[in-house]
Amino acid sequence: MGVPEQLAERMSMAEQHEYLRARFSRRTMIRGGAVTLGAVTGGAFVAGSTAQAAVPAQPQTQTEYVNGSLVAPFGRHLAFGNDPSTEISISWQVPLPVKKPFVRIGTHASHLSVKIEAEVRSLFTPTGVGASGNHTQYYVHAKLTHLKPGKTYYYGVGHDGFDPAAPQYAGTIGTFTTAPAHKEPFTFTAFGDEGVGYHGLANNSLLLGQNPAFHLHAGDIAYADPAGAGKTADTGFDSRVWDQFLAQTESVAKSVPWMPAYGNHDMEAWYSPNGYGGEEARWNLPDNGPDKKNLPGVYSFVYGNTAVISLDANDISFEIPANLGISGGTQTKWLEGQLKKFRASKDVDFIVIFFHHCAYCTSTAHASEGGVRQEWVPLFEKYTVDLVINGHNHQYERTDVIKAGAVVKKLPIGGTSYPETEGVVYVTAGAAGRSLYAFTAPLSYEGHENEVDSVASFINTKDGKVNETVTWSRVRYLDYSFLRVDVTPASKGRTATLTVRGIAETGEQVDHFTVARKAK
């Protein structure tokens, strides 16, 4: 993306950003500051304020607009706010500048009576930064608050000349459902490392059929930066890949909140010192994390009886250190505070954590991340985290129950773990769409089990790769897949359960196990 490789090797993400800005931004202005969305007449819905973001915008002395009726919105994607029972962000993209973008919302498709103003975040990529030269993207966001729990709403997005309430645009109406106010059974899905292509599209089609309440994307989202080293020397960077990605995922994300964590391929040095300026333009995520300036992809939310925490492993990665230490330890401190709070809550049974780099994996590509084991695994064990979901390695792998680096209990396919008294189960679900990696050990999955005593692998440490022989690798599947998790609250005299399933692109079940916890 414009920094000579011999320099990029020695530069942090922030230093690479400064280099690019000095070289390419003579005619580029920085747009910053918080933008407050318009108030809603009648007070039925309230549009919240958006997070601050410094995003490069194309310098224009006079913005040229085309006839709004010729510009169709695309790439709709939803995200929860801090409270999934009352807050939703609706985001989308337009290919050209539009006037007065808005969302219409109501309780029926034919009664979209409330109109809410939206915010446009333009993202300019100049010639010389990757392959997309002088390309401006327009992302639009509206945050809705004061919604009713457990209710389905209809919505449409538009702008001057394109009103979703008009009969000719009736086919563009979407829906979303807020989280319930009380504990109820629900399903969510998860994967990492999707990118653009047939396999990602096929997995999305299967996701929709699971009827999930939300979807977790464990990093490496679109692969606009195909190198993923957090370096600007990669000339293959192409911001237009995001246009394809958002169009590809719209079939799911327009009705299912799509909650991402950020991976190494999501650091794009041109847009901001932390590499996440582009992500801040594209996503409108919960803003309850420890450091919105440096770590906008770190947040938490509670859905029913389950707390979900998104972390940014770029902050602690020894393998890919472009953002190593960017939070100065505040992320880990925040994580412990969240774990302590959720474990003490009478309303939370399960804690699910997702992030990119793997705590435990035997892939021949990236294997395990020592920074995660050093900084976070002790906290997962201290607060008896119920499930950890990772991406990064493009395959499916699931561990036995682990504590202090050792197998506490073998967890065969169909087995049950009890985190209160045993340990933590880790799942690598990084086979959403990108090219697959490999294992050193034989495959072993549902209907094709092949147990081995140990597996040769390695861990990325501050001193480089260190070989290790592990005994915790239980399920290994090498094809495209995703996770389905069914959450059942405890009924009288019973335990609450997470039933976790690995689902192949073919629809075949390749793994299943249960996490059980006594009712509070």
Protein backbone atom coordinates (compact mmCIF):
# COMPACT_ATOMS: atom_id res chain seq x y z
CA MET A 1 0.00 0.00 0.00
CA GLY A 2 2.88 2.39 -0.50
CA VAL A 3 5.53 1.94 2.23
CA PRO A 4 8.73 0.25 1.03
CA GLU A 5 8.95 -3.23 2.50
CA GLN A 6 12.31 -2.62 4.17
CA LEU A 7 10.73 0.27 6.09
CA ALA A 8 7.43 -1.45 6.83
CA GLU A 9 9.26 -4.30 8.55
CA ARG A 10 10.46 -1.87 11.25
CA MET A 11 7.34 0.30 11.56
CA SER A 12 4.29 0.04 13.78
CA MET A 13 0.81 0.53 12.35
CA ALA A 14 0.79 4.15 13.56
CA GLU A 15 4.19 4.88 11.95
CA GLN A 16 3.04 3.40 8.64
CA HIS A 17 -0.10 5.53 8.78
CA GLU A 18 1.97 8.69 9.24
CA TYR A 19 4.22 7.72 6.33
CA LEU A 20 1.24 7.25 4.02
CA ARG A 21 -0.45 10.46 5.12
CA ALA A 22 2.70 12.45 4.42
CA ARG A 23 3.11 10.88 1.01
CA PHE A 24 -0.44 10.77 -0.34
CA SER A 25 -2.60 13.21 1.61
CA ARG A 26 -1.54 16.66 0.38
CA ARG A 27 -5.04 17.21 -1.00
CA THR A 28 -6.90 15.10 1.54
CA MET A 29 -8.70 16.46 4.57
CA ILE A 30 -9.52 14.64 7.80
CA ARG A 31 -13.11 14.63 8.87
CA GLY A 32 -13.57 14.08 12.60
CA GLY A 33 -15.94 14.60 15.46
CA ALA A 34 -19.17 13.12 16.67
CA VAL A 35 -22.30 13.49 14.59
CA THR A 36 -25.67 13.36 16.28
CA LEU A 37 -28.48 11.79 14.29
CA GLY A 38 -31.72 13.60 13.87
CA ALA A 39 -34.44 13.52 16.52
CA VAL A 40 -37.65 11.66 15.77
CA THR A 41 -41.03 13.31 15.70
CA GLY A 42 -43.34 11.87 18.31
CA GLY A 43 -40.61 10.28 20.40
CA ALA A 44 -41.46 6.68 19.48
CA PHE A 45 -37.86 6.07 18.46
CA VAL A 46 -34.78 8.06 19.38
CA ALA A 47 -31.70 8.17 17.18
CA GLY A 48 -28.52 8.09 19.26
CA SER A 49 -25.21 9.83 18.70
CA THR A 50 -22.47 8.04 16.83
CA ALA A 51 -18.92 7.37 17.94
CA GLN A 52 -16.14 9.74 16.97
CA ALA A 53 -14.01 8.67 14.05
CA ALA A 54 -11.23 10.36 12.10
CA VAL A 55 -11.85 9.08 8.58
CA PRO A 56 -10.18 10.42 5.42
CA ALA A 57 -12.79 12.08 3.27
CA GLN A 58 -12.41 13.05 -0.38
CA PRO A 59 -11.77 16.79 -0.71
CA GLN A 60 -14.61 18.36 -2.68
CA THR A 61 -15.27 22.04 -3.15
CA GLN A 62 -18.72 21.20 -4.49
CA THR A 63 -20.35 17.80 -4.05
CA GLU A 64 -22.16 16.61 -7.16
CA TYR A 65 -25.35 14.64 -6.66
CA VAL A 66 -27.24 12.57 -9.19
CA ASN A 67 -30.99 12.01 -9.28
CA GLY A 68 -31.67 10.11 -6.05
CA SER A 69 -34.17 7.80 -7.74
CA LEU A 70 -31.28 6.31 -9.73
CA VAL A 71 -29.16 5.47 -6.67
CA ALA A 72 -30.13 2.24 -4.90
CA PRO A 73 -28.85 1.51 -1.38
CA PHE A 74 -27.05 -1.81 -0.90
CA GLY A 75 -25.03 -3.74 1.66
CA ARG A 76 -27.46 -3.34 4.55
CA HIS A 77 -26.06 -4.66 7.83
CA LEU A 78 -27.40 -4.49 11.36
CA ALA A 79 -25.59 -4.36 14.68
CA PHE A 80 -26.74 -4.29 18.27
CA GLY A 81 -26.20 -1.25 20.42
CA ASN A 82 -25.04 -1.54 24.02
CA ASP A 83 -28.44 -3.00 24.95
CA PRO A 84 -29.69 -5.49 22.31
CA SER A 85 -33.21 -5.36 23.74
CA THR A 86 -33.65 -1.64 22.98
CA GLU A 87 -30.89 -0.55 20.52
CA ILE A 88 -30.10 -1.42 16.89
CA SER A 89 -27.85 0.30 14.36
CA ILE A 90 -28.89 0.10 10.71
CA SER A 91 -26.06 0.61 8.24
CA TRP A 92 -25.83 0.52 4.47
CA GLN A 93 -23.89 1.81 1.49
CA VAL A 94 -24.63 3.99 -1.51
CA PRO A 95 -22.46 4.09 -4.65
CA LEU A 96 -22.71 7.87 -5.07
CA PRO A 97 -23.36 10.92 -2.86
CA VAL A 98 -27.02 11.28 -1.88
CA LYS A 99 -29.03 14.00 -0.16
CA LYS A 100 -30.67 13.57 3.23
CA PRO A 101 -30.34 9.81 3.84
CA PHE A 102 -32.79 8.31 6.32
CA VAL A 103 -34.38 5.20 7.77
CA ARG A 104 -38.10 4.58 7.91
CA ILE A 105 -39.29 2.25 10.64
CA GLY A 106 -42.59 0.86 11.85
CA THR A 107 -44.37 -2.19 13.18
CA HIS A 108 -45.72 -3.24 9.77
CA ALA A 109 -44.32 -3.12 6.25
CA SER A 110 -47.15 -0.86 5.12
CA HIS A 111 -46.81 1.54 8.04
CA LEU A 112 -43.25 2.90 7.99
CA SER A 113 -44.42 6.06 9.68
CA VAL A 114 -41.29 7.11 11.59
CA LYS A 115 -38.49 8.75 9.62
CA ILE A 116 -35.02 9.01 11.14
CA GLU A 117 -32.11 10.98 9.69
CA ALA A 118 -28.89 9.07 9.02
CA GLU A 119 -25.20 9.96 8.91
CA VAL A 120 -22.91 9.47 5.90
CA ARG A 121 -19.28 8.52 6.53
CA SER A 122 -17.28 8.90 3.33
CA LEU A 123 -14.04 6.98 2.93
CA PHE A 124 -11.51 8.14 0.33
CA THR A 125 -8.66 5.96 -0.94
CA PRO A 126 -6.20 7.85 -3.17
CA THR A 127 -4.15 6.60 -6.07
CA GLY A 128 -0.96 5.04 -4.73
CA VAL A 129 -2.63 3.35 -1.77
CA GLY A 130 -3.31 -0.12 -3.07
CA ALA A 131 -5.14 -0.98 -6.26
CA SER A 132 -8.36 1.00 -5.98
CA GLY A 133 -7.03 4.53 -6.73
CA ASN A 134 -9.15 7.64 -6.10
CA HIS A 135 -12.06 5.59 -4.88
CA THR A 136 -14.66 7.07 -2.51
CA GLN A 137 -17.09 4.92 -0.58
CA TYR A 138 -20.19 6.20 1.18
CA TYR A 139 -21.36 4.38 4.31
CA VAL A 140 -24.61 5.39 5.99
CA HIS A 141 -25.65 4.75 9.60
CA ALA A 142 -28.63 5.34 11.86
CA LYS A 143 -28.74 4.22 15.49
CA LEU A 144 -32.15 3.45 16.95
CA THR A 145 -32.76 3.49 20.70
CA HIS A 146 -35.77 3.19 23.01
CA LEU A 147 -37.06 0.18 21.09
CA LYS A 148 -39.26 -2.43 22.78
CA PRO A 149 -37.69 -5.75 23.84
CA GLY A 150 -38.57 -8.90 21.93
CA LYS A 151 -40.35 -7.03 19.14
CA THR A 152 -40.06 -7.30 15.36
CA TYR A 153 -39.77 -4.03 13.45
CA TYR A 154 -39.92 -3.28 9.74
CA TYR A 155 -37.55 -0.78 8.19
CA GLY A 156 -36.47 0.72 4.90
CA VAL A 157 -33.46 2.86 4.02
CA GLY A 158 -33.48 5.72 1.55
CA HIS A 159 -32.65 9.31 0.64
CA ASP A 160 -34.10 12.16 -1.40
CA GLY A 161 -35.59 10.54 -4.49
CA PHE A 162 -35.63 7.02 -3.02
CA ASP A 163 -38.30 6.56 -0.37
CA PRO A 164 -38.75 2.95 0.81
CA ALA A 165 -42.36 3.78 1.74
CA ALA A 166 -43.17 4.28 -1.95
CA PRO A 167 -44.87 1.28 -3.64
CA GLN A 168 -42.12 0.82 -6.23
CA TYR A 169 -39.55 0.22 -3.46
CA ALA A 170 -41.66 -2.15 -1.35
CA GLY A 171 -39.26 -5.00 -2.14
CA THR A 172 -36.47 -3.24 -0.22
CA ILE A 173 -38.20 -3.45 3.17
CA GLY A 174 -36.34 -5.41 5.85
CA THR A 175 -36.99 -6.55 9.41
CA PHE A 176 -35.15 -6.99 12.68
CA THR A 177 -36.09 -8.32 16.11
CA THR A 178 -34.79 -6.94 19.39
CA ALA A 179 -33.54 -9.18 22.20
CA PRO A 180 -36.13 -10.42 24.69
CA ALA A 181 -36.43 -8.82 28.11
CA HIS A 182 -36.27 -12.22 29.81
CA LYS A 183 -34.40 -15.49 29.42
CA GLU A 184 -35.64 -17.45 26.43
CA PRO A 185 -34.13 -20.13 24.17
CA PHE A 186 -32.30 -18.72 21.14
CA THR A 187 -29.71 -19.60 18.51
CA PHE A 188 -26.66 -17.72 17.30
CA THR A 189 -24.05 -18.50 14.65
CA ALA A 190 -20.35 -17.73 14.31
CA PHE A 191 -17.35 -18.02 12.01
CA GLY A 192 -14.19 -16.17 10.98
CA ASP A 193 -12.17 -15.47 7.84
CA GLU A 194 -14.90 -15.11 5.23
CA GLY A 195 -13.73 -12.86 2.40
CA VAL A 196 -15.53 -12.67 -0.92
CA GLY A 197 -16.34 -15.72 -2.99
CA TYR A 198 -18.56 -18.71 -3.53
CA HIS A 199 -17.84 -20.46 -0.23
CA GLY A 200 -18.62 -17.38 1.84
CA LEU A 201 -21.85 -16.97 -0.09
CA ALA A 202 -22.76 -20.62 0.44
CA ASN A 203 -22.11 -20.40 4.18
CA ASN A 204 -24.27 -17.28 4.37
CA SER A 205 -27.16 -19.14 2.75
CA LEU A 206 -26.90 -21.85 5.40
CA LEU A 207 -26.60 -19.29 8.20
CA LEU A 208 -29.94 -17.75 7.33
CA GLY A 209 -31.56 -21.17 7.56
CA GLN A 210 -30.47 -21.49 11.20
CA ASN A 211 -32.71 -18.53 12.13
CA PRO A 212 -30.01 -16.98 14.37
CA ALA A 213 -30.69 -14.12 16.75
CA PHE A 214 -27.26 -12.71 15.83
CA HIS A 215 -24.05 -13.71 14.06
CA LEU A 216 -20.46 -13.38 15.35
CA HIS A 217 -17.65 -12.80 12.83
CA ALA A 218 -14.32 -13.60 14.51
CA GLY A 219 -12.14 -11.32 12.40
CA ASP A 220 -10.58 -11.18 8.92
CA ILE A 221 -13.81 -9.94 7.46
CA ALA A 222 -13.49 -8.95 3.78
CA TYR A 223 -9.75 -9.30 3.01
CA ALA A 224 -9.41 -5.97 1.22
CA ASP A 225 -5.83 -6.22 2.53
CA PRO A 226 -4.87 -9.74 1.39
CA ALA A 227 -1.46 -9.83 3.13
CA GLY A 228 -2.76 -9.37 6.66
CA ALA A 229 0.58 -8.48 8.23
CA GLY A 230 -0.52 -4.98 9.19
CA LYS A 231 2.05 -3.60 6.74
CA THR A 232 1.57 -1.03 4.04
CA ALA A 233 3.98 -2.73 1.63
CA ASP A 234 1.15 -4.89 0.28
CA THR A 235 0.23 -3.53 -3.15
CA GLY A 236 -2.80 -5.82 -3.35
CA PHE A 237 -4.93 -3.69 -0.99
CA ASP A 238 -8.23 -2.88 -2.68
CA SER A 239 -10.92 -1.00 -0.77
CA ARG A 240 -13.53 -2.00 -3.38
CA VAL A 241 -13.51 -5.54 -1.97
CA TRP A 242 -15.65 -4.14 0.84
CA ASP A 243 -18.35 -3.22 -1.69
CA GLN A 244 -18.46 -6.85 -2.77
CA PHE A 245 -18.40 -8.15 0.78
CA LEU A 246 -21.29 -6.05 2.04
CA ALA A 247 -23.35 -6.99 -1.02
CA GLN A 248 -22.53 -10.67 -0.40
CA THR A 249 -23.56 -10.66 3.27
CA GLU A 250 -26.67 -8.51 2.90
CA SER A 251 -28.99 -11.52 2.62
CA VAL A 252 -28.20 -12.33 6.27
CA ALA A 253 -26.97 -9.06 7.76
CA LYS A 254 -30.05 -7.05 6.72
CA SER A 255 -32.11 -8.96 9.30
CA VAL A 256 -29.55 -10.61 11.62
CA PRO A 257 -27.21 -8.35 13.64
CA TRP A 258 -23.70 -9.03 12.29
CA MET A 259 -21.23 -8.52 15.12
CA PRO A 260 -17.53 -8.50 14.06
CA ALA A 261 -14.27 -8.67 15.94
CA TYR A 262 -11.20 -7.34 14.11
CA GLY A 263 -8.43 -9.56 12.78
CA ASN A 264 -5.04 -8.91 11.24
CA HIS A 265 -6.50 -8.49 7.73
CA ASP A 266 -8.77 -5.75 9.11
CA MET A 267 -5.88 -3.37 9.88
CA GLU A 268 -5.66 -0.91 6.96
CA ALA A 269 -2.85 1.58 7.57
CA TRP A 270 -3.96 4.43 5.30
CA TYR A 271 -7.10 5.40 7.19
CA SER A 272 -5.91 5.94 10.76
CA PRO A 273 -2.91 5.34 13.06
CA ASN A 274 -4.48 2.19 14.53
CA GLY A 275 -5.48 0.83 11.11
CA TYR A 276 -9.18 0.82 12.00
CA GLY A 277 -10.36 4.09 10.43
CA GLY A 278 -11.89 2.18 7.56
CA GLU A 279 -13.68 -0.16 9.95
CA GLU A 280 -15.11 2.78 11.86
CA ALA A 281 -16.58 4.09 8.62
CA ARG A 282 -18.19 0.74 7.77
CA TRP A 283 -19.51 -0.47 11.14
CA ASN A 284 -21.57 1.03 13.95
CA LEU A 285 -20.82 -1.24 16.91
CA PRO A 286 -21.50 -0.98 20.66
CA ASP A 287 -19.37 1.76 22.22
CA ASN A 288 -18.93 0.28 25.70
CA GLY A 289 -15.34 -0.95 25.23
CA PRO A 290 -12.27 0.33 27.09
CA ASP A 291 -10.65 2.39 24.33
CA LYS A 292 -12.77 3.56 21.38
CA LYS A 293 -9.83 5.55 19.98
CA ASN A 294 -7.50 2.58 19.61
CA LEU A 295 -9.75 -0.48 19.89
CA PRO A 296 -13.17 0.24 18.32
CA GLY A 297 -13.84 -3.48 17.85
CA VAL A 298 -13.79 -4.27 21.58
CA TYR A 299 -17.25 -4.34 23.18
CA SER A 300 -19.76 -6.52 25.00
CA PHE A 301 -23.49 -7.15 25.03
CA VAL A 302 -25.96 -9.41 26.83
CA TYR A 303 -28.61 -11.34 24.91
CA GLY A 304 -31.03 -13.24 27.13
CA ASN A 305 -28.94 -15.26 29.60
CA THR A 306 -25.69 -14.98 27.60
CA ALA A 307 -22.98 -12.33 27.78
CA VAL A 308 -20.87 -11.93 24.64
CA ILE A 309 -17.47 -10.22 24.60
CA SER A 310 -15.59 -9.16 21.45
CA LEU A 311 -11.81 -8.71 21.89
CA ASP A 312 -9.02 -7.38 19.65
CA ALA A 313 -6.15 -9.87 19.68
CA ASN A 314 -4.02 -7.61 17.45
CA ASP A 315 -3.28 -5.78 20.72
CA ILE A 316 -1.51 -8.82 22.20
CA SER A 317 -0.30 -10.74 19.12
CA PHE A 318 3.36 -11.78 19.06
CA GLU A 319 2.93 -13.32 15.60
CA ILE A 320 1.68 -10.17 13.86
CA PRO A 321 2.85 -7.25 16.05
CA ALA A 322 1.71 -4.20 14.04
CA ASN A 323 -0.64 -3.17 16.87
CA LEU A 324 1.07 -5.04 19.71
CA GLY A 325 0.53 -3.17 22.98
CA ILE A 326 -1.68 -0.48 21.44
CA SER A 327 -4.04 -0.45 24.45
CA GLY A 328 -1.26 -0.28 27.03
CA GLY A 329 -2.94 -3.06 28.97
CA THR A 330 -6.34 -1.38 29.24
CA GLN A 331 -8.07 -4.07 27.17
CA THR A 332 -7.00 -6.88 29.51
CA LYS A 333 -7.98 -4.83 32.56
CA TRP A 334 -11.38 -4.10 30.98
CA LEU A 335 -11.81 -7.78 30.12
CA GLU A 336 -11.36 -8.81 33.74
CA GLY A 337 -13.87 -6.19 34.84
CA GLN A 338 -16.42 -7.49 32.34
CA LEU A 339 -15.85 -11.11 33.36
CA LYS A 340 -16.20 -10.27 37.04
CA LYS A 341 -19.41 -8.33 36.41
CA PHE A 342 -21.04 -10.94 34.20
CA ARG A 343 -20.11 -13.87 36.42
CA ALA A 344 -21.64 -12.08 39.41
CA SER A 345 -24.87 -11.22 37.56
CA LYS A 346 -27.90 -13.32 38.48
CA ASP A 347 -29.24 -12.76 34.95
CA VAL A 348 -26.19 -14.14 33.09
CA ASP A 349 -25.61 -17.89 32.86
CA PHE A 350 -23.10 -18.09 30.03
CA ILE A 351 -20.11 -16.04 28.92
CA VAL A 352 -19.03 -16.42 25.28
CA ILE A 353 -15.88 -14.71 24.05
CA PHE A 354 -14.83 -14.31 20.44
CA PHE A 355 -11.73 -12.84 18.83
CA HIS A 356 -9.38 -13.61 15.97
CA HIS A 357 -6.04 -15.19 16.92
CA CYS A 358 -6.27 -18.70 18.35
CA ALA A 359 -5.53 -19.59 21.93
CA TYR A 360 -5.29 -23.29 21.02
CA CYS A 361 -4.98 -24.58 17.47
CA THR A 362 -2.72 -27.03 15.60
CA SER A 363 -2.94 -25.52 12.12
CA THR A 364 0.25 -25.63 10.08
CA ALA A 365 -0.29 -21.95 9.20
CA HIS A 366 -0.67 -19.91 12.40
CA ALA A 367 -1.26 -22.50 15.14
CA SER A 368 -1.55 -20.92 18.64
CA GLU A 369 -0.95 -17.33 19.78
CA GLY A 370 1.26 -17.03 22.85
CA GLY A 371 0.02 -13.52 23.61
CA VAL A 372 -3.50 -14.84 24.10
CA ARG A 373 -2.34 -17.65 26.36
CA GLN A 374 -0.24 -15.22 28.39
CA GLU A 375 -2.72 -12.37 28.79
CA TRP A 376 -6.24 -13.77 28.55
CA VAL A 377 -6.36 -17.53 29.11
CA PRO A 378 -5.72 -17.18 32.88
CA LEU A 379 -8.74 -14.85 33.06
CA PHE A 380 -10.90 -17.24 31.04
CA GLU A 381 -10.09 -19.94 33.56
CA LYS A 382 -10.45 -17.74 36.64
CA TYR A 383 -13.95 -16.67 35.63
CA THR A 384 -14.93 -20.06 34.10
CA VAL A 385 -15.70 -18.77 30.59
CA ASP A 386 -18.09 -21.15 28.86
CA LEU A 387 -16.97 -20.94 25.22
CA VAL A 388 -14.13 -19.24 23.30
CA ILE A 389 -14.52 -18.82 19.52
CA ASN A 390 -11.57 -17.94 17.26
CA GLY A 391 -10.77 -17.60 13.56
CA HIS A 392 -7.36 -16.92 11.97
CA ASN A 393 -6.71 -20.56 11.02
CA HIS A 394 -8.84 -21.57 8.05
CA GLN A 395 -10.26 -24.83 9.34
CA TYR A 396 -12.43 -26.23 12.11
CA GLU A 397 -10.77 -27.47 15.29
CA ARG A 398 -12.17 -28.05 18.75
CA THR A 399 -10.29 -28.78 21.95
CA ASP A 400 -10.96 -30.99 24.92
CA VAL A 401 -11.67 -29.21 28.22
CA ILE A 402 -8.48 -27.29 29.09
CA LYS A 403 -7.14 -25.73 32.26
CA ALA A 404 -3.59 -24.52 32.95
CA GLY A 405 -2.54 -25.73 29.51
CA ALA A 406 -3.51 -29.34 30.18
CA VAL A 407 -6.49 -31.52 29.38
CA VAL A 408 -8.78 -31.69 32.39
CA LYS A 409 -11.27 -33.96 30.67
CA LYS A 410 -11.55 -35.48 27.24
CA LEU A 411 -14.61 -34.10 25.48
CA PRO A 412 -15.71 -36.57 22.79
CA ILE A 413 -18.19 -35.62 20.10
CA GLY A 414 -21.56 -35.47 21.83
CA GLY A 415 -19.98 -34.95 25.26
CA THR A 416 -20.75 -32.37 27.94
CA SER A 417 -18.42 -29.95 29.73
CA TYR A 418 -19.03 -28.28 33.08
CA PRO A 419 -16.91 -25.10 33.17
CA GLU A 420 -17.70 -24.36 36.82
CA THR A 421 -15.65 -27.36 37.92
CA GLU A 422 -13.60 -28.32 34.86
CA GLY A 423 -12.17 -25.85 32.35
CA VAL A 424 -12.66 -24.06 29.04
CA VAL A 425 -13.44 -25.35 25.54
CA TYR A 426 -11.92 -23.52 22.54
CA VAL A 427 -13.25 -23.67 18.98
CA THR A 428 -11.43 -22.48 15.87
CA ALA A 429 -14.11 -21.68 13.28
CA GLY A 430 -12.03 -19.95 10.60
CA ALA A 431 -13.33 -21.79 7.53
CA ALA A 432 -16.00 -19.32 6.45
CA GLY A 433 -14.74 -18.80 2.91
CA ARG A 434 -11.03 -18.17 2.39
CA SER A 435 -8.65 -20.84 1.10
CA LEU A 436 -8.17 -23.68 3.57
CA TYR A 437 -5.04 -24.47 5.60
CA ALA A 438 -3.82 -27.88 6.81
CA PHE A 439 -3.26 -30.11 9.84
CA THR A 440 -0.30 -32.30 10.72
CA ALA A 441 -2.56 -34.90 12.33
CA PRO A 442 -5.30 -36.97 10.66
CA LEU A 443 -8.77 -35.45 10.37
CA SER A 444 -11.23 -36.49 13.05
CA TYR A 445 -14.85 -35.38 13.00
CA GLU A 446 -18.38 -36.66 13.52
CA GLY A 447 -18.83 -40.00 11.78
CA HIS A 448 -15.11 -40.11 10.90
CA GLU A 449 -13.43 -40.11 14.30
CA ASN A 450 -9.70 -40.78 14.42
CA GLU A 451 -8.32 -40.31 17.92
CA VAL A 452 -4.58 -39.71 18.35
CA ASP A 453 -2.56 -39.46 21.53
CA SER A 454 -0.77 -36.24 20.58
CA VAL A 455 -0.31 -33.69 17.80
CA ALA A 456 2.87 -31.86 16.78
CA SER A 457 2.31 -28.09 16.57
CA PHE A 458 3.82 -24.74 17.58
CA ILE A 459 3.04 -21.54 19.46
CA ASN A 460 3.94 -17.98 18.48
CA THR A 461 5.88 -16.32 21.31
CA LYS A 462 7.73 -13.03 21.73
CA ASP A 463 10.89 -14.92 20.77
CA GLY A 464 9.36 -16.53 17.67
CA LYS A 465 7.80 -19.92 16.97
CA VAL A 466 8.26 -22.60 19.60
CA ASN A 467 7.41 -26.21 18.81
CA GLU A 468 5.06 -28.06 21.14
CA THR A 469 3.37 -31.43 21.30
CA VAL A 470 -0.23 -31.18 22.45
CA THR A 471 -2.88 -33.61 23.64
CA TRP A 472 -5.93 -31.31 23.56
CA SER A 473 -6.86 -31.45 19.83
CA ARG A 474 -10.16 -33.36 19.77
CA VAL A 475 -11.94 -32.51 16.48
CA ARG A 476 -10.22 -31.58 13.21
CA TYR A 477 -12.23 -30.88 10.05
CA LEU A 478 -10.79 -29.39 6.87
CA ASP A 479 -13.55 -27.90 4.77
CA TYR A 480 -15.79 -24.83 4.83
CA SER A 481 -17.98 -24.59 7.92
CA PHE A 482 -19.50 -22.45 10.68
CA LEU A 483 -20.79 -22.73 14.25
CA ARG A 484 -24.38 -22.98 15.40
CA VAL A 485 -24.98 -22.48 19.12
CA ASP A 486 -28.37 -23.22 20.70
CA VAL A 487 -28.87 -21.61 24.10
CA THR A 488 -31.41 -23.06 26.52
CA PRO A 489 -32.03 -21.32 29.86
CA ALA A 490 -32.49 -23.47 32.92
CA SER A 491 -35.98 -24.69 33.67
CA LYS A 492 -37.02 -25.70 37.15
CA GLY A 493 -34.61 -28.27 38.54
CA ARG A 494 -32.50 -28.38 35.36
CA THR A 495 -29.25 -26.86 34.07
CA ALA A 496 -28.80 -24.18 31.44
CA THR A 497 -27.09 -25.44 28.29
CA LEU A 498 -25.16 -24.30 25.25
CA THR A 499 -25.38 -26.88 22.48
CA VAL A 500 -22.55 -26.18 20.05
CA ARG A 501 -22.56 -27.64 16.55
CA GLY A 502 -20.01 -27.49 13.74
CA ILE A 503 -21.92 -27.31 10.45
CA ALA A 504 -20.21 -27.93 7.10
CA GLU A 505 -20.98 -25.96 3.95
CA THR A 506 -22.83 -29.08 2.77
CA GLY A 507 -25.15 -28.89 5.80
CA GLU A 508 -23.49 -31.95 7.37
CA GLN A 509 -22.89 -31.84 11.13
CA VAL A 510 -19.19 -32.39 11.83
CA ASP A 511 -19.14 -31.86 15.59
CA HIS A 512 -21.45 -31.29 18.52
CA PHE A 513 -21.02 -30.92 22.26
CA THR A 514 -22.80 -29.32 25.20
CA VAL A 515 -21.73 -26.81 27.83
CA ALA A 516 -23.86 -27.08 30.98
CA ARG A 517 -24.16 -24.75 33.95
CA LYS A 518 -26.32 -24.86 37.06
CA ALA A 519 -29.10 -22.31 37.25
CA LYS A 520 -28.45 -19.31 39.47
